Amino acid sequence: MKMVNTKLISKNPTAYHNYTIEDTLEAGIVLSGTEIKSIRQGKVNLKDTYAIIKKGEVYVVGMHISPYDHGNIFNKDPLRDRKLLLKKREIMKLIGLTKQKGYSLVPISLYFKGSFVKMELGIGKGKKLYDKRQEIAKKDAERQIARQQFGRNVE
């Protein structure tokens, strides 16, 4: 994703909070013309999205793209399932990983790569509640240490 001609559109705010992401890959996405125009205006939400595999194809579910203002009859359903474009080899790898217990396909971010819309898809394992609590406690401890160091440097 870290290329010169990329522009971030949207991030999934809960991806790293709810999942331990072990691997990522880039996927194209099938969109209509009015959806692209709406995405260019930044009217897309990735919260509570996930990806599934149906009949050997990968779909993203729950991604909300607001209807385009001037799209009238050409607007599509904002919450429809959208097909992701991946190579057959990548899909077979994903099928193998998702059959393992606890693995899920999680959309991490949506971005422009040149004139194309791409999605960063993560293969993640769901975190338990105590994992989330440990992570929050660790961040709080790091924040306290940083405050103490900053306080000493100022005096």
Protein backbone atom coordinates (compact mmCIF):
# COMPACT_ATOMS: atom_id res chain seq x y z
CA MET A 1 0.00 0.00 0.00
CA LYS A 2 2.88 2.40 0.67
CA MET A 3 3.35 3.64 -2.89
CA VAL A 4 3.81 7.18 -4.13
CA ASN A 5 0.51 7.43 -6.05
CA THR A 6 -1.86 6.17 -3.32
CA LYS A 7 -4.48 8.26 -1.55
CA LEU A 8 -6.27 6.92 1.52
CA ILE A 9 -10.07 7.06 1.31
CA SER A 10 -11.18 5.32 4.48
CA LYS A 11 -9.86 3.07 7.26
CA ASN A 12 -11.67 0.45 9.28
CA PRO A 13 -11.48 1.83 12.83
CA THR A 14 -12.17 -1.51 14.52
CA ALA A 15 -9.91 -3.78 12.45
CA TYR A 16 -6.84 -3.69 14.68
CA HIS A 17 -8.92 -3.39 17.86
CA ASN A 18 -11.00 -6.53 17.28
CA TYR A 19 -8.47 -8.66 15.35
CA THR A 20 -4.82 -9.61 15.42
CA ILE A 21 -3.90 -9.07 11.77
CA GLU A 22 -1.37 -11.67 10.64
CA ASP A 23 -1.17 -11.01 6.90
CA THR A 24 -2.48 -8.43 4.42
CA LEU A 25 -3.10 -8.37 0.71
CA GLU A 26 -4.36 -5.89 -1.87
CA ALA A 27 -7.60 -6.48 -3.76
CA GLY A 28 -9.42 -4.61 -6.48
CA ILE A 29 -13.14 -3.98 -6.04
CA VAL A 30 -16.04 -4.02 -8.52
CA LEU A 31 -17.98 -0.74 -8.32
CA SER A 32 -20.52 1.15 -10.41
CA GLY A 33 -19.93 4.67 -11.75
CA THR A 34 -22.07 6.45 -9.16
CA GLU A 35 -20.31 4.53 -6.36
CA ILE A 36 -16.92 5.76 -7.60
CA LYS A 37 -18.20 9.35 -7.65
CA SER A 38 -19.52 8.98 -4.12
CA ILE A 39 -16.18 7.49 -2.98
CA ARG A 40 -14.32 10.44 -4.52
CA GLN A 41 -16.46 12.66 -2.26
CA GLY A 42 -15.34 10.53 0.72
CA LYS A 43 -18.79 9.09 1.46
CA VAL A 44 -17.76 5.57 2.42
CA ASN A 45 -17.79 3.76 5.77
CA LEU A 46 -15.83 0.58 6.54
CA LYS A 47 -16.97 0.12 10.13
CA ASP A 48 -18.40 -3.36 10.82
CA THR A 49 -17.34 -4.71 7.41
CA TYR A 50 -16.05 -8.20 6.73
CA ALA A 51 -15.26 -10.34 3.71
CA ILE A 52 -16.67 -13.75 2.83
CA ILE A 53 -15.92 -16.38 0.22
CA LYS A 54 -18.91 -17.56 -1.88
CA LYS A 55 -18.51 -20.06 -4.72
CA GLY A 56 -14.80 -19.36 -5.12
CA GLU A 57 -15.19 -15.56 -5.16
CA VAL A 58 -14.51 -13.04 -2.39
CA TYR A 59 -17.14 -10.45 -1.43
CA VAL A 60 -17.02 -7.56 1.03
CA VAL A 61 -20.16 -7.31 3.18
CA GLY A 62 -21.41 -4.31 5.14
CA MET A 63 -19.42 -1.58 3.37
CA HIS A 64 -21.64 1.50 3.19
CA ILE A 65 -21.22 3.79 0.17
CA SER A 66 -23.69 6.67 0.36
CA PRO A 67 -25.81 7.25 -2.76
CA TYR A 68 -24.35 9.85 -5.13
CA ASP A 69 -26.24 13.17 -4.93
CA HIS A 70 -26.79 13.49 -8.70
CA GLY A 71 -27.05 9.76 -9.44
CA ASN A 72 -30.88 9.41 -9.36
CA ILE A 73 -31.89 6.07 -10.98
CA PHE A 74 -28.28 4.90 -11.42
CA ASN A 75 -27.59 4.71 -7.66
CA LYS A 76 -27.10 1.22 -6.24
CA ASP A 77 -28.04 -0.13 -2.81
CA PRO A 78 -25.59 1.45 -0.30
CA LEU A 79 -25.03 -1.82 1.61
CA ARG A 80 -24.90 -4.33 -1.26
CA ASP A 81 -22.20 -7.01 -1.33
CA ARG A 82 -19.30 -6.00 -3.56
CA LYS A 83 -17.01 -8.44 -5.34
CA LEU A 84 -13.28 -8.25 -4.67
CA LEU A 85 -10.84 -8.94 -7.48
CA LEU A 86 -8.11 -11.38 -6.49
CA LYS A 87 -6.01 -13.96 -8.30
CA LYS A 88 -7.14 -17.58 -8.10
CA ARG A 89 -3.99 -18.50 -6.17
CA GLU A 90 -4.75 -15.82 -3.54
CA ILE A 91 -8.37 -16.97 -3.21
CA MET A 92 -7.25 -20.58 -2.67
CA LYS A 93 -4.84 -19.40 0.03
CA LEU A 94 -7.67 -17.44 1.72
CA ILE A 95 -10.01 -20.44 1.59
CA GLY A 96 -7.36 -22.55 3.33
CA LEU A 97 -6.73 -19.94 6.04
CA THR A 98 -10.38 -19.15 6.77
CA LYS A 99 -11.18 -22.84 7.27
CA GLN A 100 -8.81 -22.76 10.23
CA LYS A 101 -10.53 -21.96 13.51
CA GLY A 102 -10.78 -18.28 14.36
CA TYR A 103 -9.47 -16.70 11.15
CA SER A 104 -11.49 -14.00 9.38
CA LEU A 105 -11.08 -11.72 6.37
CA VAL A 106 -11.12 -8.12 7.56
CA PRO A 107 -11.10 -5.03 5.31
CA ILE A 108 -8.47 -2.68 6.74
CA SER A 109 -8.53 0.29 4.39
CA LEU A 110 -9.83 1.60 1.08
CA TYR A 111 -7.57 3.74 -1.09
CA PHE A 112 -6.93 5.02 -4.60
CA LYS A 113 -3.95 3.53 -6.41
CA GLY A 114 -3.65 5.68 -9.48
CA SER A 115 -7.23 5.88 -10.74
CA PHE A 116 -8.27 2.49 -9.33
CA VAL A 117 -9.93 1.84 -5.97
CA LYS A 118 -8.13 -0.86 -3.97
CA MET A 119 -8.89 -2.49 -0.64
CA GLU A 120 -6.32 -3.71 1.86
CA LEU A 121 -7.64 -7.00 3.18
CA GLY A 122 -6.27 -8.52 6.38
CA ILE A 123 -6.28 -12.11 7.55
CA GLY A 124 -6.93 -11.82 11.24
CA LYS A 125 -7.69 -13.83 14.31
CA GLY A 126 -10.39 -12.47 16.61
CA LYS A 127 -9.18 -11.06 19.92
CA LYS A 128 -10.70 -12.11 23.18
CA LEU A 129 -11.94 -9.50 25.66
CA TYR A 130 -8.94 -10.00 27.95
CA ASP A 131 -6.56 -9.42 25.00
CA LYS A 132 -8.23 -6.06 24.36
CA ARG A 133 -7.95 -5.14 28.04
CA GLN A 134 -4.25 -6.04 28.10
CA GLU A 135 -3.63 -3.90 25.03
CA ILE A 136 -5.44 -0.91 26.58
CA ALA A 137 -3.49 -1.32 29.84
CA LYS A 138 -0.20 -1.48 27.92
CA LYS A 139 -1.02 1.72 26.01
CA ASP A 140 -1.98 3.48 29.26
CA ALA A 141 1.32 2.44 30.86
CA GLU A 142 3.29 3.70 27.85
CA ARG A 143 1.38 6.99 28.00
CA GLN A 144 2.18 7.40 31.72
CA ILE A 145 5.88 6.73 31.10
CA ALA A 146 5.93 9.27 28.28
CA ARG A 147 4.26 11.87 30.52
CA GLN A 148 6.81 11.30 33.29
CA GLN A 149 9.75 11.58 30.89
CA PHE A 150 8.29 14.71 29.33
CA GLY A 151 7.75 16.22 32.80
CA ARG A 152 11.42 15.66 33.76
CA ASN A 153 12.74 17.12 30.51
CA VAL A 154 10.78 20.34 30.96
CA GLU A 155 11.98 21.00 34.53
